């Protein structure tokens, strides 16, 4: 496919209530009256950014993953976002990507937010994931990953970076700047989907969900502090033209990431 149409959902989250959040996102998804190829939800979209996974973590065969598969089938689209997953007695902040036919791929957040103690509760991911979907290569990442450019460095293996987040208002200028920087340095589309509202820890989120093209130009943005669904259309032609004319990736440094 030469075009990829993506719906970005910026929404408030009900604290640690997966059922109510699924109902809320179902209503938001019903607002999408055009065919789209992918729906993107925020980080921990069923709970908010909780450091108490013991009673709210789900399983890969649980209700939320089943709900995502149902949405994907009914809308004939892929859907993605991160949720809290329990697996082998460990907890993960897991980005889940469900294809229209129900196939599941996932990425475990690597950079855990030490300021909130996320590293003491969750296990970090060790592998980067590249998702092949409709001829597009997508690299899924989660919130704090945005601050670490080495992990997201494009070695010409993806077309799109997608970040899902609970990024608070006091640091939102960093969110804006880093999303733009990731697009420029990697010559790729970069999408960031953030939440709005105030959580149980009294942290405020004001959105700034956005998409940037390979030149770092903002191609879609949302209103602050507002629940909204926006559509962005990505074009393969844009990527090929920019990388042919300005292929700075040819001059990238070689490196190896060690544990």
C-alpha atoms as a PDB file:
ATOM      1  CA  UNK A   1       0.000   0.000   0.000  1.00  0.00           C
ATOM      2  CA  UNK A   2       1.248   3.445  -0.896  1.00  0.00           C
ATOM      3  CA  UNK A   3      -0.896   5.127   1.759  1.00  0.00           C
ATOM      4  CA  UNK A   4      -1.578   4.256   5.380  1.00  0.00           C
ATOM      5  CA  UNK A   5      -4.569   5.877   7.097  1.00  0.00           C
ATOM      6  CA  UNK A   6      -4.230   5.980  10.870  1.00  0.00           C
ATOM      7  CA  UNK A   7      -6.701   7.077  13.557  1.00  0.00           C
ATOM      8  CA  UNK A   8      -5.079   8.597  16.656  1.00  0.00           C
ATOM      9  CA  UNK A   9      -7.253   8.556  19.773  1.00  0.00           C
ATOM     10  CA  UNK A  10      -6.436  11.097  22.474  1.00  0.00           C
ATOM     11  CA  UNK A  11      -8.594  10.399  25.520  1.00  0.00           C
ATOM     12  CA  UNK A  12      -8.920  10.597  29.270  1.00  0.00           C
ATOM     13  CA  UNK A  13      -8.491   7.327  31.190  1.00  0.00           C
ATOM     14  CA  UNK A  14     -10.509   5.907  34.077  1.00  0.00           C
ATOM     15  CA  UNK A  15      -8.050   4.998  36.821  1.00  0.00           C
ATOM     16  CA  UNK A  16      -7.428   1.248  37.045  1.00  0.00           C
ATOM     17  CA  UNK A  17     -10.763   0.311  35.492  1.00  0.00           C
ATOM     18  CA  UNK A  18     -10.245  -1.754  32.367  1.00  0.00           C
ATOM     19  CA  UNK A  19     -13.932  -2.363  31.662  1.00  0.00           C
ATOM     20  CA  UNK A  20     -14.866   1.329  31.766  1.00  0.00           C
ATOM     21  CA  UNK A  21     -11.903   2.238  29.582  1.00  0.00           C
ATOM     22  CA  UNK A  22     -12.837  -0.398  27.006  1.00  0.00           C
ATOM     23  CA  UNK A  23     -16.388   0.975  26.933  1.00  0.00           C
ATOM     24  CA  UNK A  24     -15.068   4.514  26.538  1.00  0.00           C
ATOM     25  CA  UNK A  25     -12.705   3.595  23.711  1.00  0.00           C
ATOM     26  CA  UNK A  26     -15.441   1.591  21.999  1.00  0.00           C
ATOM     27  CA  UNK A  27     -17.501   4.796  21.897  1.00  0.00           C
ATOM     28  CA  UNK A  28     -14.545   6.754  20.511  1.00  0.00           C
ATOM     29  CA  UNK A  29     -13.925   4.127  17.848  1.00  0.00           C
ATOM     30  CA  UNK A  30     -17.572   4.355  16.776  1.00  0.00           C
ATOM     31  CA  UNK A  31     -16.878   8.019  15.935  1.00  0.00           C
ATOM     32  CA  UNK A  32     -14.503   6.890  13.186  1.00  0.00           C
ATOM     33  CA  UNK A  33     -16.880   6.981  10.230  1.00  0.00           C
ATOM     34  CA  UNK A  34     -14.228   6.349   7.581  1.00  0.00           C
ATOM     35  CA  UNK A  35     -12.220   3.239   6.824  1.00  0.00           C
ATOM     36  CA  UNK A  36      -8.812   3.341   8.480  1.00  0.00           C
ATOM     37  CA  UNK A  37      -5.871   0.949   8.410  1.00  0.00           C
ATOM     38  CA  UNK A  38      -4.787   1.369  12.029  1.00  0.00           C
ATOM     39  CA  UNK A  39      -6.155   2.704  15.318  1.00  0.00           C
ATOM     40  CA  UNK A  40      -3.640   3.895  17.943  1.00  0.00           C
ATOM     41  CA  UNK A  41      -4.523   4.131  21.654  1.00  0.00           C
ATOM     42  CA  UNK A  42      -2.370   5.606  24.473  1.00  0.00           C
ATOM     43  CA  UNK A  43      -0.013   3.874  26.900  1.00  0.00           C
ATOM     44  CA  UNK A  44      -1.694   1.729  29.593  1.00  0.00           C
ATOM     45  CA  UNK A  45      -5.023   2.656  28.030  1.00  0.00           C
ATOM     46  CA  UNK A  46      -7.050   0.390  30.332  1.00  0.00           C
ATOM     47  CA  UNK A  47      -5.624   1.621  33.634  1.00  0.00           C
ATOM     48  CA  UNK A  48      -3.643   4.839  33.452  1.00  0.00           C
ATOM     49  CA  UNK A  49       0.055   4.824  34.362  1.00  0.00           C
ATOM     50  CA  UNK A  50      -0.223   2.597  37.426  1.00  0.00           C
ATOM     51  CA  UNK A  51       2.609   1.194  39.544  1.00  0.00           C
ATOM     52  CA  UNK A  52       0.165  -1.251  41.172  1.00  0.00           C
ATOM     53  CA  UNK A  53      -0.165  -4.085  38.642  1.00  0.00           C
ATOM     54  CA  UNK A  54      -0.833  -6.854  41.150  1.00  0.00           C
ATOM     55  CA  UNK A  55      -4.630  -6.589  41.007  1.00  0.00           C
ATOM     56  CA  UNK A  56      -5.121  -5.036  37.572  1.00  0.00           C
ATOM     57  CA  UNK A  57      -2.680  -6.823  35.258  1.00  0.00           C
ATOM     58  CA  UNK A  58      -4.207  -8.851  32.454  1.00  0.00           C
ATOM     59  CA  UNK A  59      -3.136 -11.877  30.445  1.00  0.00           C
ATOM     60  CA  UNK A  60      -2.596 -12.228  26.728  1.00  0.00           C
ATOM     61  CA  UNK A  61      -5.770 -14.334  26.667  1.00  0.00           C
ATOM     62  CA  UNK A  62      -7.632 -11.758  28.759  1.00  0.00           C
ATOM     63  CA  UNK A  63     -10.554  -9.448  28.123  1.00  0.00           C
ATOM     64  CA  UNK A  64      -8.663  -6.488  26.679  1.00  0.00           C
ATOM     65  CA  UNK A  65      -6.720  -8.475  24.091  1.00  0.00           C
ATOM     66  CA  UNK A  66      -9.956 -10.218  23.099  1.00  0.00           C
ATOM     67  CA  UNK A  67     -11.624  -6.801  22.851  1.00  0.00           C
ATOM     68  CA  UNK A  68      -8.829  -5.550  20.604  1.00  0.00           C
ATOM     69  CA  UNK A  69      -9.249  -8.605  18.366  1.00  0.00           C
ATOM     70  CA  UNK A  70     -12.998  -8.016  18.195  1.00  0.00           C
ATOM     71  CA  UNK A  71     -12.525  -4.357  17.236  1.00  0.00           C
ATOM     72  CA  UNK A  72      -9.941  -5.326  14.611  1.00  0.00           C
ATOM     73  CA  UNK A  73     -12.324  -7.870  13.082  1.00  0.00           C
ATOM     74  CA  UNK A  74     -15.395  -5.634  13.158  1.00  0.00           C
ATOM     75  CA  UNK A  75     -13.620  -2.573  11.755  1.00  0.00           C
ATOM     76  CA  UNK A  76     -11.308  -4.539   9.453  1.00  0.00           C
ATOM     77  CA  UNK A  77      -8.371  -2.585  10.813  1.00  0.00           C
ATOM     78  CA  UNK A  78      -5.333  -3.061  13.014  1.00  0.00           C
ATOM     79  CA  UNK A  79      -5.406  -1.637  16.535  1.00  0.00           C
ATOM     80  CA  UNK A  80      -2.605  -0.987  19.002  1.00  0.00           C
ATOM     81  CA  UNK A  81      -1.742   0.485  22.399  1.00  0.00           C
ATOM     82  CA  UNK A  82      -0.061  -0.618  25.617  1.00  0.00           C
ATOM     83  CA  UNK A  83      -1.567  -2.438  28.606  1.00  0.00           C
ATOM     84  CA  UNK A  84      -0.278  -4.083  31.778  1.00  0.00           C
ATOM     85  CA  UNK A  85       0.426  -7.770  31.182  1.00  0.00           C
ATOM     86  CA  UNK A  86       1.217 -10.539  33.670  1.00  0.00           C
ATOM     87  CA  UNK A  87       3.349 -13.345  32.286  1.00  0.00           C
ATOM     88  CA  UNK A  88       5.427 -15.998  34.046  1.00  0.00           C
ATOM     89  CA  UNK A  89       5.036 -14.173  37.360  1.00  0.00           C
ATOM     90  CA  UNK A  90       6.415 -10.953  35.849  1.00  0.00           C
ATOM     91  CA  UNK A  91       4.684  -7.725  34.860  1.00  0.00           C
ATOM     92  CA  UNK A  92       5.226  -5.890  31.573  1.00  0.00           C
ATOM     93  CA  UNK A  93       4.185  -2.561  30.081  1.00  0.00           C
ATOM     94  CA  UNK A  94       3.389  -4.186  26.738  1.00  0.00           C
ATOM     95  CA  UNK A  95       2.630  -2.522  23.407  1.00  0.00           C
ATOM     96  CA  UNK A  96       0.174  -4.838  21.664  1.00  0.00           C
ATOM     97  CA  UNK A  97      -0.501  -4.686  17.923  1.00  0.00           C
ATOM     98  CA  UNK A  98      -3.492  -6.660  16.655  1.00  0.00           C
ATOM     99  CA  UNK A  99      -3.846  -7.224  12.902  1.00  0.00           C
ATOM    100  CA  UNK A 100      -7.304  -7.195  11.263  1.00  0.00           C
ATOM    101  CA  UNK A 101      -7.436 -10.999  11.160  1.00  0.00           C
ATOM    102  CA  UNK A 102      -6.564 -11.214  14.861  1.00  0.00           C
ATOM    103  CA  UNK A 103      -2.834 -11.931  14.677  1.00  0.00           C
ATOM    104  CA  UNK A 104      -0.988 -10.443  17.663  1.00  0.00           C
ATOM    105  CA  UNK A 105       2.485  -8.934  17.842  1.00  0.00           C
ATOM    106  CA  UNK A 106       3.932  -7.162  20.859  1.00  0.00           C
ATOM    107  CA  UNK A 107       6.821  -5.121  22.224  1.00  0.00           C
ATOM    108  CA  UNK A 108       7.745  -4.814  25.902  1.00  0.00           C
ATOM    109  CA  UNK A 109       8.754  -1.304  26.957  1.00  0.00           C
ATOM    110  CA  UNK A 110      12.531  -1.214  27.338  1.00  0.00           C
ATOM    111  CA  UNK A 111      13.147   2.100  29.090  1.00  0.00           C
ATOM    112  CA  UNK A 112      11.221   1.964  32.341  1.00  0.00           C
ATOM    113  CA  UNK A 113      10.491   5.301  33.991  1.00  0.00           C
ATOM    114  CA  UNK A 114      12.767   5.244  37.055  1.00  0.00           C
ATOM    115  CA  UNK A 115      11.422   8.575  38.331  1.00  0.00           C
ATOM    116  CA  UNK A 116       8.122   6.812  39.081  1.00  0.00           C
ATOM    117  CA  UNK A 117       9.716   3.524  40.126  1.00  0.00           C
ATOM    118  CA  UNK A 118       8.485   1.678  37.037  1.00  0.00           C
ATOM    119  CA  UNK A 119      11.739  -0.311  36.956  1.00  0.00           C
ATOM    120  CA  UNK A 120      11.006  -1.770  40.399  1.00  0.00           C
ATOM    121  CA  UNK A 121       7.620  -3.134  39.357  1.00  0.00           C
ATOM    122  CA  UNK A 122       7.870  -4.089  35.688  1.00  0.00           C
ATOM    123  CA  UNK A 123      10.336  -6.143  33.675  1.00  0.00           C
ATOM    124  CA  UNK A 124      11.963  -4.275  30.823  1.00  0.00           C
ATOM    125  CA  UNK A 125      11.918  -5.429  27.235  1.00  0.00           C
ATOM    126  CA  UNK A 126      15.099  -6.653  25.598  1.00  0.00           C
ATOM    127  CA  UNK A 127      14.196  -6.760  21.915  1.00  0.00           C
ATOM    128  CA  UNK A 128      13.055  -4.129  19.462  1.00  0.00           C
ATOM    129  CA  UNK A 129      10.116  -5.093  17.285  1.00  0.00           C
ATOM    130  CA  UNK A 130       9.494  -4.230  13.645  1.00  0.00           C
ATOM    131  CA  UNK A 131       5.918  -4.901  12.540  1.00  0.00           C
ATOM    132  CA  UNK A 132       5.225  -5.558   8.860  1.00  0.00           C
ATOM    133  CA  UNK A 133       1.744  -4.376   7.995  1.00  0.00           C
ATOM    134  CA  UNK A 134       0.273  -3.715   4.562  1.00  0.00           C
ATOM    135  CA  UNK A 135       3.726  -3.172   3.086  1.00  0.00           C
ATOM    136  CA  UNK A 136       4.728  -0.736   5.830  1.00  0.00           C
ATOM    137  CA  UNK A 137       7.367  -1.360   8.489  1.00  0.00           C
ATOM    138  CA  UNK A 138       6.343   0.011  11.881  1.00  0.00           C
ATOM    139  CA  UNK A 139       8.517   0.344  14.991  1.00  0.00           C
ATOM    140  CA  UNK A 140       6.389   0.454  18.179  1.00  0.00           C
ATOM    141  CA  UNK A 141       7.783   2.195  21.267  1.00  0.00           C
ATOM    142  CA  UNK A 142       6.413   3.375  24.597  1.00  0.00           C
ATOM    143  CA  UNK A 143       6.609   6.785  26.310  1.00  0.00           C
ATOM    144  CA  UNK A 144      10.003   7.029  28.099  1.00  0.00           C
ATOM    145  CA  UNK A 145      11.638   5.217  25.141  1.00  0.00           C
ATOM    146  CA  UNK A 146      11.306   8.565  23.352  1.00  0.00           C
ATOM    147  CA  UNK A 147      14.206  10.032  25.345  1.00  0.00           C
ATOM    148  CA  UNK A 148      16.703   7.417  24.102  1.00  0.00           C
ATOM    149  CA  UNK A 149      17.541   7.896  20.403  1.00  0.00           C
ATOM    150  CA  UNK A 150      20.017   5.007  20.152  1.00  0.00           C
ATOM    151  CA  UNK A 151      17.234   2.478  20.798  1.00  0.00           C
ATOM    152  CA  UNK A 152      15.080   3.930  18.017  1.00  0.00           C
ATOM    153  CA  UNK A 153      17.895   4.546  15.506  1.00  0.00           C
ATOM    154  CA  UNK A 154      16.742   3.672  12.002  1.00  0.00           C
ATOM    155  CA  UNK A 155      19.034   1.235  10.274  1.00  0.00           C
ATOM    156  CA  UNK A 156      16.697   1.423   7.281  1.00  0.00           C
ATOM    157  CA  UNK A 157      14.408  -1.209   8.747  1.00  0.00           C
ATOM    158  CA  UNK A 158      11.261   0.856   9.331  1.00  0.00           C
ATOM    159  CA  UNK A 159       9.040   3.562   7.812  1.00  0.00           C
ATOM    160  CA  UNK A 160       7.099   4.686  10.882  1.00  0.00           C
ATOM    161  CA  UNK A 161       7.826   5.183  14.579  1.00  0.00           C
ATOM    162  CA  UNK A 162       4.784   4.989  16.867  1.00  0.00           C
ATOM    163  CA  UNK A 163       5.029   6.154  20.480  1.00  0.00           C
ATOM    164  CA  UNK A 164       2.140   5.643  22.906  1.00  0.00           C
ATOM    165  CA  UNK A 165       2.365   7.579  26.140  1.00  0.00           C
ATOM    166  CA  UNK A 166       1.163   8.962  29.449  1.00  0.00           C
ATOM    167  CA  UNK A 167       3.401  12.052  29.179  1.00  0.00           C
ATOM    168  CA  UNK A 168       2.529  14.728  31.775  1.00  0.00           C
ATOM    169  CA  UNK A 169       1.849  18.379  31.042  1.00  0.00           C
ATOM    170  CA  UNK A 170       4.896  19.887  32.846  1.00  0.00           C
ATOM    171  CA  UNK A 171       7.253  18.099  30.420  1.00  0.00           C
ATOM    172  CA  UNK A 172       5.153  18.231  27.280  1.00  0.00           C
ATOM    173  CA  UNK A 173       7.546  20.593  25.475  1.00  0.00           C
ATOM    174  CA  UNK A 174      10.121  17.790  25.624  1.00  0.00           C
ATOM    175  CA  UNK A 175       7.519  15.443  24.117  1.00  0.00           C
ATOM    176  CA  UNK A 176       6.933  17.839  21.215  1.00  0.00           C
ATOM    177  CA  UNK A 177      10.644  18.400  20.598  1.00  0.00           C
ATOM    178  CA  UNK A 178      11.707  14.765  20.822  1.00  0.00           C
ATOM    179  CA  UNK A 179       8.967  13.505  18.502  1.00  0.00           C
ATOM    180  CA  UNK A 180      10.133  16.003  15.897  1.00  0.00           C
ATOM    181  CA  UNK A 181      13.774  15.057  16.450  1.00  0.00           C
ATOM    182  CA  UNK A 182      13.090  11.329  16.039  1.00  0.00           C
ATOM    183  CA  UNK A 183      11.396  12.036  12.690  1.00  0.00           C
ATOM    184  CA  UNK A 184      14.279  14.164  11.422  1.00  0.00           C
ATOM    185  CA  UNK A 185      17.147  11.930  12.501  1.00  0.00           C
ATOM    186  CA  UNK A 186      15.507   8.721  11.280  1.00  0.00           C
ATOM    187  CA  UNK A 187      13.960  10.069   8.050  1.00  0.00           C
ATOM    188  CA  UNK A 188      10.651   8.487   8.956  1.00  0.00           C
ATOM    189  CA  UNK A 189       7.119   9.351   9.932  1.00  0.00           C
ATOM    190  CA  UNK A 190       6.865   9.685  13.710  1.00  0.00           C
ATOM    191  CA  UNK A 191       3.560   9.455  15.563  1.00  0.00           C
ATOM    192  CA  UNK A 192       2.953  10.149  19.237  1.00  0.00           C
ATOM    193  CA  UNK A 193      -0.363   9.397  20.972  1.00  0.00           C
ATOM    194  CA  UNK A 194      -0.735  10.812  24.474  1.00  0.00           C
ATOM    195  CA  UNK A 195      -3.617  10.911  26.953  1.00  0.00           C
ATOM    196  CA  UNK A 196      -5.433  13.837  28.571  1.00  0.00           C
ATOM    197  CA  UNK A 197      -6.965  14.354  32.014  1.00  0.00           C
ATOM    198  CA  UNK A 198      -5.770  13.998  35.616  1.00  0.00           C
ATOM    199  CA  UNK A 199      -4.866  10.628  37.134  1.00  0.00           C
ATOM    200  CA  UNK A 200      -5.116   9.343  40.713  1.00  0.00           C
ATOM    201  CA  UNK A 201      -1.625  10.659  41.461  1.00  0.00           C
ATOM    202  CA  UNK A 202      -2.844  14.157  40.544  1.00  0.00           C
ATOM    203  CA  UNK A 203      -0.665  14.214  37.431  1.00  0.00           C
ATOM    204  CA  UNK A 204      -2.129  16.283  34.607  1.00  0.00           C
ATOM    205  CA  UNK A 205      -1.902  15.294  30.943  1.00  0.00           C
ATOM    206  CA  UNK A 206      -2.726  17.664  28.097  1.00  0.00           C
ATOM    207  CA  UNK A 207      -2.302  15.494  25.034  1.00  0.00           C
ATOM    208  CA  UNK A 208      -0.226  16.992  22.209  1.00  0.00           C
ATOM    209  CA  UNK A 209      -0.902  13.875  20.142  1.00  0.00           C
ATOM    210  CA  UNK A 210       0.805  14.518  16.797  1.00  0.00           C
ATOM    211  CA  UNK A 211       2.425  13.155  13.651  1.00  0.00           C
ATOM    212  CA  UNK A 212       5.559  14.385  11.884  1.00  0.00           C
ATOM    213  CA  UNK A 213       6.920  13.604   8.423  1.00  0.00           C
ATOM    214  CA  UNK A 214      10.497  12.759   7.422  1.00  0.00           C
ATOM    215  CA  UNK A 215      11.512  16.428   7.454  1.00  0.00           C
ATOM    216  CA  UNK A 216      10.142  16.978  10.937  1.00  0.00           C
ATOM    217  CA  UNK A 217       7.118  18.884   9.662  1.00  0.00           C
ATOM    218  CA  UNK A 218       4.004  18.416  11.762  1.00  0.00           C
ATOM    219  CA  UNK A 219       1.339  16.892   9.529  1.00  0.00           C
ATOM    220  CA  UNK A 220      -1.384  16.545  12.165  1.00  0.00           C
ATOM    221  CA  UNK A 221      -1.909  17.807  15.691  1.00  0.00           C
ATOM    222  CA  UNK A 222      -4.672  17.766  18.276  1.00  0.00           C
ATOM    223  CA  UNK A 223      -6.173  20.344  20.565  1.00  0.00           C
ATOM    224  CA  UNK A 224      -4.806  20.484  24.089  1.00  0.00           C
ATOM    225  CA  UNK A 225      -6.791  19.026  27.001  1.00  0.00           C
ATOM    226  CA  UNK A 226      -9.421  17.626  24.652  1.00  0.00           C
ATOM    227  CA  UNK A 227     -10.602  14.127  23.886  1.00  0.00           C
ATOM    228  CA  UNK A 228     -10.382  13.802  20.140  1.00  0.00           C
ATOM    229  CA  UNK A 229      -9.925  11.376  17.262  1.00  0.00           C
ATOM    230  CA  UNK A 230      -7.756  12.598  14.395  1.00  0.00           C
ATOM    231  CA  UNK A 231      -6.870  10.906  11.125  1.00  0.00           C
ATOM    232  CA  UNK A 232      -3.452  11.085   9.496  1.00  0.00           C
ATOM    233  CA  UNK A 233      -2.562   9.681   6.061  1.00  0.00           C
ATOM    234  CA  UNK A 234       1.032   8.574   5.526  1.00  0.00           C
ATOM    235  CA  UNK A 235       2.514   8.401   2.030  1.00  0.00           C
ATOM    236  CA  UNK A 236       5.245   5.999   0.923  1.00  0.00           C
ATOM    237  CA  UNK A 237       6.154   8.437  -1.851  1.00  0.00           C
ATOM    238  CA  UNK A 238       7.177  11.034   0.719  1.00  0.00           C
ATOM    239  CA  UNK A 239       9.602   8.620   2.379  1.00  0.00           C
ATOM    240  CA  UNK A 240      11.195   7.445  -0.869  1.00  0.00           C
ATOM    241  CA  UNK A 241      11.561  10.964  -2.239  1.00  0.00           C
ATOM    242  CA  UNK A 242      13.196  12.328   0.912  1.00  0.00           C
ATOM    243  CA  UNK A 243      15.521   9.362   1.350  1.00  0.00           C
ATOM    244  CA  UNK A 244      16.574   9.555  -2.296  1.00  0.00           C
ATOM    245  CA  UNK A 245      17.209  13.283  -2.201  1.00  0.00           C
ATOM    246  CA  UNK A 246      18.534  13.588   1.350  1.00  0.00           C
ATOM    247  CA  UNK A 247      19.644  10.155   2.422  1.00  0.00           C
ATOM    248  CA  UNK A 248      21.462  11.109   5.581  1.00  0.00           C
ATOM    249  CA  UNK A 249      21.002   7.544   6.809  1.00  0.00           C
ATOM    250  CA  UNK A 250      23.916   6.602   4.548  1.00  0.00           C
ATOM    251  CA  UNK A 251      26.204   8.497   6.922  1.00  0.00           C
ATOM    252  CA  UNK A 252      24.907   7.000  10.160  1.00  0.00           C
ATOM    253  CA  UNK A 253      27.269   5.639  12.801  1.00  0.00           C
ATOM    254  CA  UNK A 254      27.539   1.911  13.330  1.00  0.00           C
ATOM    255  CA  UNK A 255      26.919   0.732  16.889  1.00  0.00           C
ATOM    256  CA  UNK A 256      25.911  -2.273  18.935  1.00  0.00           C
ATOM    257  CA  UNK A 257      23.545  -2.189  21.893  1.00  0.00           C
ATOM    258  CA  UNK A 258      24.726  -4.294  24.816  1.00  0.00           C
ATOM    259  CA  UNK A 259      22.675  -5.397  27.793  1.00  0.00           C
END
